[in-house]
Amino acid sequence: MDVLRHNREAWDRQVAAGNRWTVPVGPEVIARARTGDWSILLTPTRPVPRDWMGDLRGLRVLALASGGGQQGPILAAAGARVTVLDAAPAQLAQDRLVAARERLEIETVEGDMANLGAFPDASFDLVVNPCSTCFVPDVRPVWREAARVLRPGGALLAGHVNPILYAADSGLLENGEIRLRHHIPYSDLTSIGEEERARLVSPGAPLEFGHSLGDLLGGQLDAGLSITGLYEDGRPDGGPLDELLPCFLATRAVK
């Protein structure tokens, strides 16, 4: 299966359905960002620490797999020179909508987060990757490409799904029962059968992949980055697993 094509089309449908990660920010958010009052999310609820980014004015920022009219426009309103790369055309259209409405300069590029060939080496001061690597089968090429396009001293800020969420039996979780079942790495394509996939994965939904911490964190180190910050986060609606441990984390890594 062509996972990139499937997930591109799936996220276009998510835009039409109003998924929370596809809803553009309003004018009031942009107005506050222009005065220095802003924040962005890499994970469901916890804002990124401001000292992870510093003064954005004039910085070249790649919002990686970050379409939807949220992070990119906020960073642009805060003074950054923003390029948004996403696989889904409808997601990029949301960024262009906000840019036109607010008179922001944002470049949008349709592409694969694991192949940043459109950009030369050392193109960006900052790469911002909201939790999206769960939609690619192999996360390590994403880190290698992010490291390549970062200038020396630049930083990668990335959100991640804790692999424990994929190790758990999602069918039982829906009924409040926690049972570890799946090996990590996990894949919607190979870790469950066709019948179970039809029951658990909504029609037209993006395919997901649960990566090991060795690939999520160690992969960044192997790409030549140094992890300088980490925090954990949970889901706003919670669940039995969330009551035991945070199901998301975010990292800051420097080239």
C-alpha atoms as a PDB file:
ATOM      1  CA  MET A   1       0.000   0.000   0.000  1.00  0.00           C
ATOM      2  CA  ASP A   2       1.097   3.555  -0.738  1.00  0.00           C
ATOM      3  CA  VAL A   3       0.939   4.895   2.830  1.00  0.00           C
ATOM      4  CA  LEU A   4       1.840   8.462   1.858  1.00  0.00           C
ATOM      5  CA  ARG A   5      -1.016   8.639  -0.660  1.00  0.00           C
ATOM      6  CA  HIS A   6      -3.496   6.990   1.697  1.00  0.00           C
ATOM      7  CA  ASN A   7      -2.693   9.358   4.549  1.00  0.00           C
ATOM      8  CA  ARG A   8      -2.638  12.413   2.277  1.00  0.00           C
ATOM      9  CA  GLU A   9      -6.189  11.629   1.172  1.00  0.00           C
ATOM     10  CA  ALA A  10      -7.211  10.733   4.718  1.00  0.00           C
ATOM     11  CA  TRP A  11      -6.039  14.075   6.105  1.00  0.00           C
ATOM     12  CA  ASP A  12      -7.849  15.904   3.327  1.00  0.00           C
ATOM     13  CA  ARG A  13     -10.989  14.173   4.597  1.00  0.00           C
ATOM     14  CA  GLN A  14     -10.103  15.115   8.173  1.00  0.00           C
ATOM     15  CA  VAL A  15     -10.159  18.768   7.108  1.00  0.00           C
ATOM     16  CA  ALA A  16     -13.687  18.340   5.754  1.00  0.00           C
ATOM     17  CA  ALA A  17     -14.696  16.593   8.990  1.00  0.00           C
ATOM     18  CA  GLY A  18     -13.296  19.380  11.190  1.00  0.00           C
ATOM     19  CA  ASN A  19     -10.606  17.407  13.050  1.00  0.00           C
ATOM     20  CA  ARG A  20      -9.197  19.684  15.782  1.00  0.00           C
ATOM     21  CA  TRP A  21      -5.752  19.684  14.148  1.00  0.00           C
ATOM     22  CA  THR A  22      -7.209  21.036  10.903  1.00  0.00           C
ATOM     23  CA  VAL A  23      -9.126  24.049  12.252  1.00  0.00           C
ATOM     24  CA  PRO A  24      -7.304  27.349  11.533  1.00  0.00           C
ATOM     25  CA  VAL A  25      -6.603  29.754  14.367  1.00  0.00           C
ATOM     26  CA  GLY A  26      -8.810  32.824  14.617  1.00  0.00           C
ATOM     27  CA  PRO A  27      -7.885  36.493  14.130  1.00  0.00           C
ATOM     28  CA  GLU A  28      -7.617  37.044  17.883  1.00  0.00           C
ATOM     29  CA  VAL A  29      -4.844  34.434  18.166  1.00  0.00           C
ATOM     30  CA  ILE A  30      -2.854  36.118  15.408  1.00  0.00           C
ATOM     31  CA  ALA A  31      -3.431  39.563  16.921  1.00  0.00           C
ATOM     32  CA  ARG A  32      -2.022  38.394  20.262  1.00  0.00           C
ATOM     33  CA  ALA A  33       0.937  36.704  18.560  1.00  0.00           C
ATOM     34  CA  ARG A  34       1.856  39.994  16.892  1.00  0.00           C
ATOM     35  CA  THR A  35       2.173  41.568  20.352  1.00  0.00           C
ATOM     36  CA  GLY A  36       4.354  38.736  21.671  1.00  0.00           C
ATOM     37  CA  ASP A  37       1.571  36.800  23.423  1.00  0.00           C
ATOM     38  CA  TRP A  38       1.616  33.399  21.737  1.00  0.00           C
ATOM     39  CA  SER A  39       2.128  29.674  22.205  1.00  0.00           C
ATOM     40  CA  ILE A  40       2.025  26.544  20.042  1.00  0.00           C
ATOM     41  CA  LEU A  41       1.315  22.871  20.679  1.00  0.00           C
ATOM     42  CA  LEU A  42       3.366  19.849  19.667  1.00  0.00           C
ATOM     43  CA  THR A  43       1.216  17.484  21.758  1.00  0.00           C
ATOM     44  CA  PRO A  44      -2.469  17.575  22.756  1.00  0.00           C
ATOM     45  CA  THR A  45      -2.512  20.112  25.591  1.00  0.00           C
ATOM     46  CA  ARG A  46       0.829  21.395  26.895  1.00  0.00           C
ATOM     47  CA  PRO A  47       2.288  24.502  25.226  1.00  0.00           C
ATOM     48  CA  VAL A  48       5.910  24.393  24.104  1.00  0.00           C
ATOM     49  CA  PRO A  49       8.178  26.236  26.562  1.00  0.00           C
ATOM     50  CA  ARG A  50       9.015  29.618  25.136  1.00  0.00           C
ATOM     51  CA  ASP A  51      12.697  29.230  25.968  1.00  0.00           C
ATOM     52  CA  TRP A  52      12.795  26.283  23.551  1.00  0.00           C
ATOM     53  CA  MET A  53      12.372  28.812  20.731  1.00  0.00           C
ATOM     54  CA  GLY A  54      13.629  32.191  21.934  1.00  0.00           C
ATOM     55  CA  ASP A  55      13.158  35.282  19.814  1.00  0.00           C
ATOM     56  CA  LEU A  56      11.620  34.198  16.512  1.00  0.00           C
ATOM     57  CA  ARG A  57      11.998  37.484  14.676  1.00  0.00           C
ATOM     58  CA  GLY A  58      13.737  36.836  11.379  1.00  0.00           C
ATOM     59  CA  LEU A  59      14.316  33.129  12.016  1.00  0.00           C
ATOM     60  CA  ARG A  60      13.791  30.691   9.173  1.00  0.00           C
ATOM     61  CA  VAL A  61      11.291  28.116  10.443  1.00  0.00           C
ATOM     62  CA  LEU A  62      10.113  24.890   8.817  1.00  0.00           C
ATOM     63  CA  ALA A  63       6.726  23.760  10.134  1.00  0.00           C
ATOM     64  CA  LEU A  64       7.165  20.095   9.276  1.00  0.00           C
ATOM     65  CA  ALA A  65       4.034  18.007   8.608  1.00  0.00           C
ATOM     66  CA  SER A  66       2.296  20.917  10.292  1.00  0.00           C
ATOM     67  CA  GLY A  67      -0.494  22.005   7.971  1.00  0.00           C
ATOM     68  CA  GLY A  68      -3.857  23.056   9.327  1.00  0.00           C
ATOM     69  CA  GLY A  69      -3.510  26.785   9.830  1.00  0.00           C
ATOM     70  CA  GLN A  70      -2.270  26.602  13.410  1.00  0.00           C
ATOM     71  CA  GLN A  71       1.463  26.507  14.255  1.00  0.00           C
ATOM     72  CA  GLY A  72       2.720  28.073  11.006  1.00  0.00           C
ATOM     73  CA  PRO A  73       0.569  31.226  11.123  1.00  0.00           C
ATOM     74  CA  ILE A  74       1.253  31.768  14.833  1.00  0.00           C
ATOM     75  CA  LEU A  75       5.007  31.547  14.276  1.00  0.00           C
ATOM     76  CA  ALA A  76       4.767  33.885  11.278  1.00  0.00           C
ATOM     77  CA  ALA A  77       2.771  36.428  13.297  1.00  0.00           C
ATOM     78  CA  ALA A  78       5.481  36.212  15.974  1.00  0.00           C
ATOM     79  CA  GLY A  79       8.047  37.325  13.389  1.00  0.00           C
ATOM     80  CA  ALA A  80       9.437  34.114  11.874  1.00  0.00           C
ATOM     81  CA  ARG A  81       9.934  33.445   8.174  1.00  0.00           C
ATOM     82  CA  VAL A  82       7.790  30.331   7.895  1.00  0.00           C
ATOM     83  CA  THR A  83       7.604  27.477   5.414  1.00  0.00           C
ATOM     84  CA  VAL A  84       4.902  24.871   6.026  1.00  0.00           C
ATOM     85  CA  LEU A  85       5.426  21.405   4.537  1.00  0.00           C
ATOM     86  CA  ASP A  86       2.584  18.905   4.599  1.00  0.00           C
ATOM     87  CA  ALA A  87       1.441  15.953   2.518  1.00  0.00           C
ATOM     88  CA  ALA A  88      -2.223  17.007   2.496  1.00  0.00           C
ATOM     89  CA  PRO A  89      -3.265  19.805   0.094  1.00  0.00           C
ATOM     90  CA  ALA A  90      -6.360  20.617   2.156  1.00  0.00           C
ATOM     91  CA  GLN A  91      -4.203  21.090   5.251  1.00  0.00           C
ATOM     92  CA  LEU A  92      -1.927  23.503   3.403  1.00  0.00           C
ATOM     93  CA  ALA A  93      -4.990  25.378   2.154  1.00  0.00           C
ATOM     94  CA  GLN A  94      -5.808  26.162   5.786  1.00  0.00           C
ATOM     95  CA  ASP A  95      -2.425  27.863   6.217  1.00  0.00           C
ATOM     96  CA  ARG A  96      -2.924  29.857   3.030  1.00  0.00           C
ATOM     97  CA  LEU A  97      -6.387  30.863   4.256  1.00  0.00           C
ATOM     98  CA  VAL A  98      -4.956  32.339   7.470  1.00  0.00           C
ATOM     99  CA  ALA A  99      -2.041  33.921   5.614  1.00  0.00           C
ATOM    100  CA  ALA A 100      -4.402  35.696   3.212  1.00  0.00           C
ATOM    101  CA  ARG A 101      -6.799  36.730   5.964  1.00  0.00           C
ATOM    102  CA  GLU A 102      -4.051  38.106   8.197  1.00  0.00           C
ATOM    103  CA  ARG A 103      -1.621  39.298   5.512  1.00  0.00           C
ATOM    104  CA  LEU A 104       1.106  36.922   6.636  1.00  0.00           C
ATOM    105  CA  GLU A 105       3.942  35.720   4.440  1.00  0.00           C
ATOM    106  CA  ILE A 106       3.911  31.917   4.607  1.00  0.00           C
ATOM    107  CA  GLU A 107       5.339  29.553   2.011  1.00  0.00           C
ATOM    108  CA  THR A 108       3.482  26.247   1.643  1.00  0.00           C
ATOM    109  CA  VAL A 109       5.043  23.128   0.140  1.00  0.00           C
ATOM    110  CA  GLU A 110       3.285  19.832  -0.511  1.00  0.00           C
ATOM    111  CA  GLY A 111       5.613  16.958   0.278  1.00  0.00           C
ATOM    112  CA  ASP A 112       6.725  13.991   2.331  1.00  0.00           C
ATOM    113  CA  MET A 113       8.184  14.728   5.774  1.00  0.00           C
ATOM    114  CA  ALA A 114      10.749  11.968   5.180  1.00  0.00           C
ATOM    115  CA  ASN A 115      12.012  13.571   1.957  1.00  0.00           C
ATOM    116  CA  LEU A 116      12.927  17.246   2.180  1.00  0.00           C
ATOM    117  CA  GLY A 117      14.748  17.339  -1.136  1.00  0.00           C
ATOM    118  CA  ALA A 118      13.001  20.616  -1.965  1.00  0.00           C
ATOM    119  CA  PHE A 119      15.296  22.332   0.551  1.00  0.00           C
ATOM    120  CA  PRO A 120      19.097  22.620   0.514  1.00  0.00           C
ATOM    121  CA  ASP A 121      21.300  21.824   3.499  1.00  0.00           C
ATOM    122  CA  ALA A 122      21.221  24.260   6.426  1.00  0.00           C
ATOM    123  CA  SER A 123      18.074  26.035   5.187  1.00  0.00           C
ATOM    124  CA  PHE A 124      16.369  26.582   8.543  1.00  0.00           C
ATOM    125  CA  ASP A 125      17.064  27.843  12.049  1.00  0.00           C
ATOM    126  CA  LEU A 126      14.183  25.898  13.555  1.00  0.00           C
ATOM    127  CA  VAL A 127      12.144  22.836  12.563  1.00  0.00           C
ATOM    128  CA  VAL A 128       8.797  22.430  14.327  1.00  0.00           C
ATOM    129  CA  ASN A 129       7.164  19.001  14.012  1.00  0.00           C
ATOM    130  CA  PRO A 130       3.844  18.603  15.860  1.00  0.00           C
ATOM    131  CA  CYS A 131       2.956  15.018  16.703  1.00  0.00           C
ATOM    132  CA  SER A 132       2.774  13.509  13.202  1.00  0.00           C
ATOM    133  CA  THR A 133       5.528  10.915  12.827  1.00  0.00           C
ATOM    134  CA  CYS A 134       2.935   8.356  13.945  1.00  0.00           C
ATOM    135  CA  PHE A 135       1.683   8.545  10.346  1.00  0.00           C
ATOM    136  CA  VAL A 136       4.921   7.325   8.721  1.00  0.00           C
ATOM    137  CA  PRO A 137       6.168   3.706   8.767  1.00  0.00           C
ATOM    138  CA  ASP A 138       9.804   4.690   9.394  1.00  0.00           C
ATOM    139  CA  VAL A 139      10.644   7.728  11.512  1.00  0.00           C
ATOM    140  CA  ARG A 140      14.420   7.715  11.158  1.00  0.00           C
ATOM    141  CA  PRO A 141      14.477   9.304   7.666  1.00  0.00           C
ATOM    142  CA  VAL A 142      12.411  12.166   9.089  1.00  0.00           C
ATOM    143  CA  TRP A 143      15.102  12.902  11.681  1.00  0.00           C
ATOM    144  CA  ARG A 144      17.921  12.617   9.134  1.00  0.00           C
ATOM    145  CA  GLU A 145      16.225  15.061   6.787  1.00  0.00           C
ATOM    146  CA  ALA A 146      15.360  17.476   9.608  1.00  0.00           C
ATOM    147  CA  ALA A 147      18.978  17.426  10.736  1.00  0.00           C
ATOM    148  CA  ARG A 148      20.202  18.007   7.191  1.00  0.00           C
ATOM    149  CA  VAL A 149      18.082  21.113   6.600  1.00  0.00           C
ATOM    150  CA  LEU A 150      18.922  22.620  10.003  1.00  0.00           C
ATOM    151  CA  ARG A 151      21.791  25.057  10.247  1.00  0.00           C
ATOM    152  CA  PRO A 152      24.469  24.280  12.863  1.00  0.00           C
ATOM    153  CA  GLY A 153      23.067  25.364  16.209  1.00  0.00           C
ATOM    154  CA  GLY A 154      19.480  25.092  14.941  1.00  0.00           C
ATOM    155  CA  ALA A 155      16.840  23.125  16.823  1.00  0.00           C
ATOM    156  CA  LEU A 156      14.234  20.469  16.071  1.00  0.00           C
ATOM    157  CA  LEU A 157      11.102  20.575  18.246  1.00  0.00           C
ATOM    158  CA  ALA A 158       9.021  17.423  17.869  1.00  0.00           C
ATOM    159  CA  GLY A 159       5.972  15.823  19.444  1.00  0.00           C
ATOM    160  CA  HIS A 160       5.731  12.039  19.843  1.00  0.00           C
ATOM    161  CA  VAL A 161       3.205   9.389  20.792  1.00  0.00           C
ATOM    162  CA  ASN A 162       4.400   7.277  23.710  1.00  0.00           C
ATOM    163  CA  PRO A 163       4.713   3.759  22.196  1.00  0.00           C
ATOM    164  CA  ILE A 164       2.841   2.312  25.189  1.00  0.00           C
ATOM    165  CA  LEU A 165      -0.336   3.643  23.544  1.00  0.00           C
ATOM    166  CA  TYR A 166       0.232   1.325  20.576  1.00  0.00           C
ATOM    167  CA  ALA A 167       1.323  -1.621  22.697  1.00  0.00           C
ATOM    168  CA  ALA A 168      -2.061  -1.620  24.443  1.00  0.00           C
ATOM    169  CA  ASP A 169      -5.061  -3.453  23.004  1.00  0.00           C
ATOM    170  CA  SER A 170      -7.091  -0.512  21.693  1.00  0.00           C
ATOM    171  CA  GLY A 171     -10.304  -2.519  21.536  1.00  0.00           C
ATOM    172  CA  LEU A 172     -10.115  -3.302  25.234  1.00  0.00           C
ATOM    173  CA  LEU A 173      -9.092   0.283  26.056  1.00  0.00           C
ATOM    174  CA  GLU A 174     -12.397   1.454  24.637  1.00  0.00           C
ATOM    175  CA  ASN A 175     -14.067  -0.644  27.365  1.00  0.00           C
ATOM    176  CA  GLY A 176     -11.788   0.643  30.120  1.00  0.00           C
ATOM    177  CA  GLU A 177      -9.503  -2.408  30.260  1.00  0.00           C
ATOM    178  CA  ILE A 178      -5.715  -2.146  29.956  1.00  0.00           C
ATOM    179  CA  ARG A 179      -3.884  -5.066  28.398  1.00  0.00           C
ATOM    180  CA  LEU A 180      -0.536  -4.921  26.604  1.00  0.00           C
ATOM    181  CA  ARG A 181      -0.770  -6.866  23.372  1.00  0.00           C
ATOM    182  CA  HIS A 182       1.231  -5.466  20.467  1.00  0.00           C
ATOM    183  CA  HIS A 183       4.938  -5.529  19.805  1.00  0.00           C
ATOM    184  CA  ILE A 184       6.646  -2.195  19.181  1.00  0.00           C
ATOM    185  CA  PRO A 185       7.174  -1.025  16.492  1.00  0.00           C
ATOM    186  CA  TYR A 186       3.457  -1.222  15.729  1.00  0.00           C
ATOM    187  CA  SER A 187       1.741  -0.880  12.341  1.00  0.00           C
ATOM    188  CA  ASP A 188      -1.935  -0.616  11.434  1.00  0.00           C
ATOM    189  CA  LEU A 189      -1.000  -2.646   8.349  1.00  0.00           C
ATOM    190  CA  THR A 190       0.760  -5.612   9.925  1.00  0.00           C
ATOM    191  CA  SER A 191       0.131  -5.688  13.681  1.00  0.00           C
ATOM    192  CA  ILE A 192      -3.598  -6.388  13.374  1.00  0.00           C
ATOM    193  CA  GLY A 193      -5.625  -8.468  10.940  1.00  0.00           C
ATOM    194  CA  GLU A 194      -7.897  -7.168   8.213  1.00  0.00           C
ATOM    195  CA  GLU A 195     -11.085  -7.833  10.186  1.00  0.00           C
ATOM    196  CA  GLU A 196      -9.785  -6.088  13.295  1.00  0.00           C
ATOM    197  CA  ARG A 197      -8.426  -3.186  11.222  1.00  0.00           C
ATOM    198  CA  ALA A 198     -11.863  -2.715   9.656  1.00  0.00           C
ATOM    199  CA  ARG A 199     -13.358  -2.588  13.171  1.00  0.00           C
ATOM    200  CA  LEU A 200     -10.781  -0.320  14.843  1.00  0.00           C
ATOM    201  CA  VAL A 201      -9.588   1.980  12.034  1.00  0.00           C
ATOM    202  CA  SER A 202     -12.385   4.251  10.846  1.00  0.00           C
ATOM    203  CA  PRO A 203     -13.026   4.182   7.082  1.00  0.00           C
ATOM    204  CA  GLY A 204     -10.842   6.772   5.419  1.00  0.00           C
ATOM    205  CA  ALA A 205      -8.836   7.441   8.593  1.00  0.00           C
ATOM    206  CA  PRO A 206      -5.050   7.823   8.396  1.00  0.00           C
ATOM    207  CA  LEU A 207      -2.952   4.741   9.060  1.00  0.00           C
ATOM    208  CA  GLU A 208      -0.848   4.915  12.221  1.00  0.00           C
ATOM    209  CA  PHE A 209       2.501   3.482  13.282  1.00  0.00           C
ATOM    210  CA  GLY A 210       3.887   3.172  16.801  1.00  0.00           C
ATOM    211  CA  HIS A 211       7.657   3.732  16.886  1.00  0.00           C
ATOM    212  CA  SER A 212      10.057   2.577  19.565  1.00  0.00           C
ATOM    213  CA  LEU A 213      11.750   5.072  21.858  1.00  0.00           C
ATOM    214  CA  GLY A 214      14.972   3.871  20.271  1.00  0.00           C
ATOM    215  CA  ASP A 215      13.757   5.251  16.947  1.00  0.00           C
ATOM    216  CA  LEU A 216      11.945   8.319  18.331  1.00  0.00           C
ATOM    217  CA  LEU A 217      14.775   9.462  20.590  1.00  0.00           C
ATOM    218  CA  GLY A 218      17.786   7.415  19.559  1.00  0.00           C
ATOM    219  CA  GLY A 219      17.019   8.173  15.933  1.00  0.00           C
ATOM    220  CA  GLN A 220      17.466  11.879  16.599  1.00  0.00           C
ATOM    221  CA  LEU A 221      20.822  11.226  18.277  1.00  0.00           C
ATOM    222  CA  ASP A 222      21.946   9.026  15.381  1.00  0.00           C
ATOM    223  CA  ALA A 223      21.002  11.835  12.982  1.00  0.00           C
ATOM    224  CA  GLY A 224      23.569  14.078  14.683  1.00  0.00           C
ATOM    225  CA  LEU A 225      21.248  15.942  17.041  1.00  0.00           C
ATOM    226  CA  SER A 226      21.626  16.441  20.802  1.00  0.00           C
ATOM    227  CA  ILE A 227      18.432  16.261  22.868  1.00  0.00           C
ATOM    228  CA  THR A 228      18.385  19.238  25.234  1.00  0.00           C
ATOM    229  CA  GLY A 229      14.792  19.207  26.463  1.00  0.00           C
ATOM    230  CA  LEU A 230      11.892  16.805  27.042  1.00  0.00           C
ATOM    231  CA  TYR A 231       8.422  17.038  28.557  1.00  0.00           C
ATOM    232  CA  GLU A 232       5.385  14.752  28.759  1.00  0.00           C
ATOM    233  CA  ASP A 233       1.717  15.417  28.063  1.00  0.00           C
ATOM    234  CA  GLY A 234      -1.650  13.687  28.127  1.00  0.00           C
ATOM    235  CA  ARG A 235      -4.896  13.707  26.189  1.00  0.00           C
ATOM    236  CA  PRO A 236      -7.649  16.120  27.214  1.00  0.00           C
ATOM    237  CA  ASP A 237     -10.316  13.420  27.219  1.00  0.00           C
ATOM    238  CA  GLY A 238      -8.103  11.020  29.141  1.00  0.00           C
ATOM    239  CA  GLY A 239      -8.763   7.308  29.449  1.00  0.00           C
ATOM    240  CA  PRO A 240      -7.625   4.406  31.630  1.00  0.00           C
ATOM    241  CA  LEU A 241      -4.091   4.418  30.254  1.00  0.00           C
ATOM    242  CA  ASP A 242      -3.786   8.197  30.621  1.00  0.00           C
ATOM    243  CA  GLU A 243      -4.607   7.844  34.311  1.00  0.00           C
ATOM    244  CA  LEU A 244      -1.426   5.804  34.749  1.00  0.00           C
ATOM    245  CA  LEU A 245       1.123   7.660  32.609  1.00  0.00           C
ATOM    246  CA  PRO A 246       1.423  10.418  29.994  1.00  0.00           C
ATOM    247  CA  CYS A 247       0.727   9.113  26.488  1.00  0.00           C
ATOM    248  CA  PHE A 248       2.654  11.881  24.666  1.00  0.00           C
ATOM    249  CA  LEU A 249       6.052  13.538  24.909  1.00  0.00           C
ATOM    250  CA  ALA A 250       7.948  16.308  23.166  1.00  0.00           C
ATOM    251  CA  THR A 251      11.656  16.858  22.612  1.00  0.00           C
ATOM    252  CA  ARG A 252      13.990  19.679  21.727  1.00  0.00           C
ATOM    253  CA  ALA A 253      17.127  18.595  19.865  1.00  0.00           C
ATOM    254  CA  VAL A 254      19.985  20.808  18.667  1.00  0.00           C
ATOM    255  CA  LYS A 255      22.287  20.295  15.690  1.00  0.00           C
END
